[in-house]
């Protein structure tokens, strides 16, 4: 049985949730959040935070597990990544994805230690957002760029 289509759909849907959440936070929520009164900010965070924390970790888990399954399908290209544009771009995409994972782990560890400040959270969000834009572009470029 060819699992590639199922893995691809799971990967895309999970990416949709994760990328969409971070995009919403960076482009819409954070700029508006700063202009809200403190009581409204607390109420919004009290309602939105638990929902995000209950959905996004599962999306990230599916995203990375499906990504591993997809990478396995291209293990030949990954065995010698510098030998083709596809291998180079896929390797770069994986490196960025691992960096995003490191950002997520950093945020979780800092939150658990009660050291996730608003400024650190903002910087992590912007960095993850930039990484994800690059990952989305690379995901398409892998199949269309050649040199």
C-alpha atoms as a PDB file:
ATOM      1  CA  UNK A   1       0.000   0.000   0.000  1.00  0.00           C
ATOM      2  CA  UNK A   2       1.310   3.451  -0.910  1.00  0.00           C
ATOM      3  CA  UNK A   3       1.107   5.619   2.220  1.00  0.00           C
ATOM      4  CA  UNK A   4       2.504   8.724   0.527  1.00  0.00           C
ATOM      5  CA  UNK A   5      -0.890  10.364  -0.274  1.00  0.00           C
ATOM      6  CA  UNK A   6      -2.151   9.838   3.286  1.00  0.00           C
ATOM      7  CA  UNK A   7       1.084  11.166   4.816  1.00  0.00           C
ATOM      8  CA  UNK A   8       1.005  14.163   2.487  1.00  0.00           C
ATOM      9  CA  UNK A   9      -2.595  15.029   3.391  1.00  0.00           C
ATOM     10  CA  UNK A  10      -1.903  14.661   7.126  1.00  0.00           C
ATOM     11  CA  UNK A  11       1.252  16.765   6.776  1.00  0.00           C
ATOM     12  CA  UNK A  12      -0.563  19.504   4.853  1.00  0.00           C
ATOM     13  CA  UNK A  13      -3.549  19.628   7.232  1.00  0.00           C
ATOM     14  CA  UNK A  14      -1.313  19.753  10.298  1.00  0.00           C
ATOM     15  CA  UNK A  15       0.822  22.448   8.656  1.00  0.00           C
ATOM     16  CA  UNK A  16      -2.364  24.366   7.899  1.00  0.00           C
ATOM     17  CA  UNK A  17      -3.265  24.387  11.608  1.00  0.00           C
ATOM     18  CA  UNK A  18       0.238  25.199  12.875  1.00  0.00           C
ATOM     19  CA  UNK A  19       1.196  27.748  10.218  1.00  0.00           C
ATOM     20  CA  UNK A  20      -2.269  29.309  10.393  1.00  0.00           C
ATOM     21  CA  UNK A  21      -2.105  29.664  14.165  1.00  0.00           C
ATOM     22  CA  UNK A  22       1.337  31.270  14.136  1.00  0.00           C
ATOM     23  CA  UNK A  23       0.383  33.521  11.219  1.00  0.00           C
ATOM     24  CA  UNK A  24      -2.744  34.669  13.067  1.00  0.00           C
ATOM     25  CA  UNK A  25      -0.740  35.341  16.214  1.00  0.00           C
ATOM     26  CA  UNK A  26       2.051  37.291  14.463  1.00  0.00           C
ATOM     27  CA  UNK A  27       0.050  39.295  11.923  1.00  0.00           C
ATOM     28  CA  UNK A  28      -3.201  39.895  13.803  1.00  0.00           C
ATOM     29  CA  UNK A  29      -3.338  38.950  17.466  1.00  0.00           C
ATOM     30  CA  UNK A  30      -0.047  40.403  18.754  1.00  0.00           C
ATOM     31  CA  UNK A  31      -0.474  43.866  17.167  1.00  0.00           C
ATOM     32  CA  UNK A  32      -4.071  44.137  18.418  1.00  0.00           C
ATOM     33  CA  UNK A  33      -3.272  42.611  21.797  1.00  0.00           C
ATOM     34  CA  UNK A  34      -0.936  45.503  22.673  1.00  0.00           C
ATOM     35  CA  UNK A  35      -3.740  48.024  22.136  1.00  0.00           C
ATOM     36  CA  UNK A  36      -6.305  46.251  24.306  1.00  0.00           C
ATOM     37  CA  UNK A  37      -7.019  47.161  27.920  1.00  0.00           C
ATOM     38  CA  UNK A  38      -5.326  44.803  30.430  1.00  0.00           C
ATOM     39  CA  UNK A  39      -8.586  43.187  31.533  1.00  0.00           C
ATOM     40  CA  UNK A  40      -9.551  42.422  27.922  1.00  0.00           C
ATOM     41  CA  UNK A  41      -6.053  41.008  27.275  1.00  0.00           C
ATOM     42  CA  UNK A  42      -6.369  38.697  30.275  1.00  0.00           C
ATOM     43  CA  UNK A  43      -9.847  37.569  29.213  1.00  0.00           C
ATOM     44  CA  UNK A  44      -8.716  36.932  25.636  1.00  0.00           C
ATOM     45  CA  UNK A  45      -5.629  35.048  26.796  1.00  0.00           C
ATOM     46  CA  UNK A  46      -7.720  33.068  29.252  1.00  0.00           C
ATOM     47  CA  UNK A  47     -10.017  31.906  26.477  1.00  0.00           C
ATOM     48  CA  UNK A  48      -7.649  31.613  23.519  1.00  0.00           C
ATOM     49  CA  UNK A  49      -4.581  30.214  25.321  1.00  0.00           C
ATOM     50  CA  UNK A  50      -6.112  26.936  26.543  1.00  0.00           C
ATOM     51  CA  UNK A  51      -7.659  26.288  23.136  1.00  0.00           C
ATOM     52  CA  UNK A  52      -4.360  26.834  21.333  1.00  0.00           C
ATOM     53  CA  UNK A  53      -2.532  24.651  23.870  1.00  0.00           C
ATOM     54  CA  UNK A  54      -5.079  21.855  23.421  1.00  0.00           C
ATOM     55  CA  UNK A  55      -4.973  21.789  19.592  1.00  0.00           C
ATOM     56  CA  UNK A  56      -1.565  22.975  18.374  1.00  0.00           C
ATOM     57  CA  UNK A  57       0.606  20.343  20.115  1.00  0.00           C
ATOM     58  CA  UNK A  58      -1.373  17.596  18.366  1.00  0.00           C
ATOM     59  CA  UNK A  59      -1.015  19.381  15.044  1.00  0.00           C
ATOM     60  CA  UNK A  60       2.748  19.692  15.605  1.00  0.00           C
ATOM     61  CA  UNK A  61       2.978  15.992  16.489  1.00  0.00           C
ATOM     62  CA  UNK A  62       1.107  14.959  13.323  1.00  0.00           C
ATOM     63  CA  UNK A  63       3.096  17.475  11.261  1.00  0.00           C
ATOM     64  CA  UNK A  64       6.469  16.075  12.331  1.00  0.00           C
ATOM     65  CA  UNK A  65       5.460  12.390  12.270  1.00  0.00           C
ATOM     66  CA  UNK A  66       3.982  12.727   8.790  1.00  0.00           C
ATOM     67  CA  UNK A  67       7.052  14.735   7.777  1.00  0.00           C
ATOM     68  CA  UNK A  68       9.278  11.878   8.921  1.00  0.00           C
ATOM     69  CA  UNK A  69       7.206   9.460   6.880  1.00  0.00           C
ATOM     70  CA  UNK A  70       7.458  11.712   3.834  1.00  0.00           C
ATOM     71  CA  UNK A  71      11.217  12.152   4.312  1.00  0.00           C
ATOM     72  CA  UNK A  72      11.555   8.363   4.381  1.00  0.00           C
ATOM     73  CA  UNK A  73      10.021   8.289   0.904  1.00  0.00           C
ATOM     74  CA  UNK A  74      12.914  10.497  -0.260  1.00  0.00           C
ATOM     75  CA  UNK A  75      15.691   8.735   1.633  1.00  0.00           C
ATOM     76  CA  UNK A  76      17.572   8.245  -1.634  1.00  0.00           C
ATOM     77  CA  UNK A  77      17.746  11.985  -2.246  1.00  0.00           C
ATOM     78  CA  UNK A  78      18.629  12.579   1.406  1.00  0.00           C
ATOM     79  CA  UNK A  79      21.466  10.024   1.284  1.00  0.00           C
ATOM     80  CA  UNK A  80      23.308  12.348  -1.091  1.00  0.00           C
ATOM     81  CA  UNK A  81      21.569  15.703  -0.699  1.00  0.00           C
ATOM     82  CA  UNK A  82      24.138  17.804  -2.567  1.00  0.00           C
ATOM     83  CA  UNK A  83      23.730  15.754  -5.736  1.00  0.00           C
ATOM     84  CA  UNK A  84      20.478  17.415  -6.829  1.00  0.00           C
ATOM     85  CA  UNK A  85      18.576  20.676  -6.391  1.00  0.00           C
ATOM     86  CA  UNK A  86      15.705  18.648  -4.909  1.00  0.00           C
ATOM     87  CA  UNK A  87      18.019  17.103  -2.284  1.00  0.00           C
ATOM     88  CA  UNK A  88      19.521  20.465  -1.367  1.00  0.00           C
ATOM     89  CA  UNK A  89      16.122  22.145  -0.989  1.00  0.00           C
ATOM     90  CA  UNK A  90      14.647  19.205   0.940  1.00  0.00           C
ATOM     91  CA  UNK A  91      17.626  19.194   3.300  1.00  0.00           C
ATOM     92  CA  UNK A  92      17.237  22.930   3.841  1.00  0.00           C
ATOM     93  CA  UNK A  93      13.512  22.460   4.506  1.00  0.00           C
ATOM     94  CA  UNK A  94      14.248  19.748   7.070  1.00  0.00           C
ATOM     95  CA  UNK A  95      16.887  21.928   8.752  1.00  0.00           C
ATOM     96  CA  UNK A  96      14.380  24.776   9.045  1.00  0.00           C
ATOM     97  CA  UNK A  97      11.745  22.379  10.404  1.00  0.00           C
ATOM     98  CA  UNK A  98      14.203  21.164  13.039  1.00  0.00           C
ATOM     99  CA  UNK A  99      14.925  24.777  13.942  1.00  0.00           C
ATOM    100  CA  UNK A 100      11.174  25.404  14.355  1.00  0.00           C
ATOM    101  CA  UNK A 101      11.012  22.369  16.631  1.00  0.00           C
ATOM    102  CA  UNK A 102      13.889  23.803  18.679  1.00  0.00           C
ATOM    103  CA  UNK A 103      11.947  27.080  18.963  1.00  0.00           C
ATOM    104  CA  UNK A 104       8.840  25.219  20.179  1.00  0.00           C
ATOM    105  CA  UNK A 105      10.844  23.247  22.738  1.00  0.00           C
ATOM    106  CA  UNK A 106      12.529  26.465  23.916  1.00  0.00           C
ATOM    107  CA  UNK A 107       9.137  28.131  24.392  1.00  0.00           C
ATOM    108  CA  UNK A 108       7.746  25.132  26.286  1.00  0.00           C
ATOM    109  CA  UNK A 109      10.783  24.892  28.573  1.00  0.00           C
ATOM    110  CA  UNK A 110      10.792  28.634  29.281  1.00  0.00           C
ATOM    111  CA  UNK A 111       7.035  28.588  29.960  1.00  0.00           C
ATOM    112  CA  UNK A 112       7.417  25.675  32.361  1.00  0.00           C
ATOM    113  CA  UNK A 113      10.186  27.556  34.182  1.00  0.00           C
ATOM    114  CA  UNK A 114       7.963  30.663  34.250  1.00  0.00           C
ATOM    115  CA  UNK A 115      10.563  32.570  32.188  1.00  0.00           C
ATOM    116  CA  UNK A 116       8.676  32.982  28.928  1.00  0.00           C
ATOM    117  CA  UNK A 117       8.446  36.763  28.831  1.00  0.00           C
ATOM    118  CA  UNK A 118       6.257  38.610  26.370  1.00  0.00           C
ATOM    119  CA  UNK A 119       9.314  39.826  24.485  1.00  0.00           C
ATOM    120  CA  UNK A 120      10.830  36.329  24.181  1.00  0.00           C
ATOM    121  CA  UNK A 121       7.495  34.932  23.075  1.00  0.00           C
ATOM    122  CA  UNK A 122       7.153  37.687  20.459  1.00  0.00           C
ATOM    123  CA  UNK A 123      10.660  37.027  19.112  1.00  0.00           C
ATOM    124  CA  UNK A 124      10.061  33.275  18.981  1.00  0.00           C
ATOM    125  CA  UNK A 125       6.773  33.804  17.144  1.00  0.00           C
ATOM    126  CA  UNK A 126       8.358  36.092  14.558  1.00  0.00           C
ATOM    127  CA  UNK A 127      11.265  33.708  14.042  1.00  0.00           C
ATOM    128  CA  UNK A 128       8.956  30.686  13.679  1.00  0.00           C
ATOM    129  CA  UNK A 129       6.760  32.672  11.289  1.00  0.00           C
ATOM    130  CA  UNK A 130       9.780  33.532   9.090  1.00  0.00           C
ATOM    131  CA  UNK A 131      10.984  29.936   9.201  1.00  0.00           C
ATOM    132  CA  UNK A 132       7.554  28.684   8.161  1.00  0.00           C
ATOM    133  CA  UNK A 133       7.279  31.099   5.256  1.00  0.00           C
ATOM    134  CA  UNK A 134      10.617  29.763   4.014  1.00  0.00           C
ATOM    135  CA  UNK A 135       9.483  26.154   4.556  1.00  0.00           C
ATOM    136  CA  UNK A 136       6.286  26.709   2.557  1.00  0.00           C
ATOM    137  CA  UNK A 137       8.255  28.294  -0.299  1.00  0.00           C
ATOM    138  CA  UNK A 138      10.802  25.472  -0.226  1.00  0.00           C
ATOM    139  CA  UNK A 139       8.038  22.850  -0.217  1.00  0.00           C
ATOM    140  CA  UNK A 140       6.946  24.109  -3.617  1.00  0.00           C
ATOM    141  CA  UNK A 141      10.387  25.041  -4.931  1.00  0.00           C
ATOM    142  CA  UNK A 142      11.678  21.494  -4.378  1.00  0.00           C
ATOM    143  CA  UNK A 143       9.473  20.241  -7.179  1.00  0.00           C
ATOM    144  CA  UNK A 144       9.867  23.146  -9.607  1.00  0.00           C
ATOM    145  CA  UNK A 145      13.380  24.591  -9.270  1.00  0.00           C
ATOM    146  CA  UNK A 146      16.321  23.123 -11.107  1.00  0.00           C
ATOM    147  CA  UNK A 147      19.766  24.441 -11.860  1.00  0.00           C
END
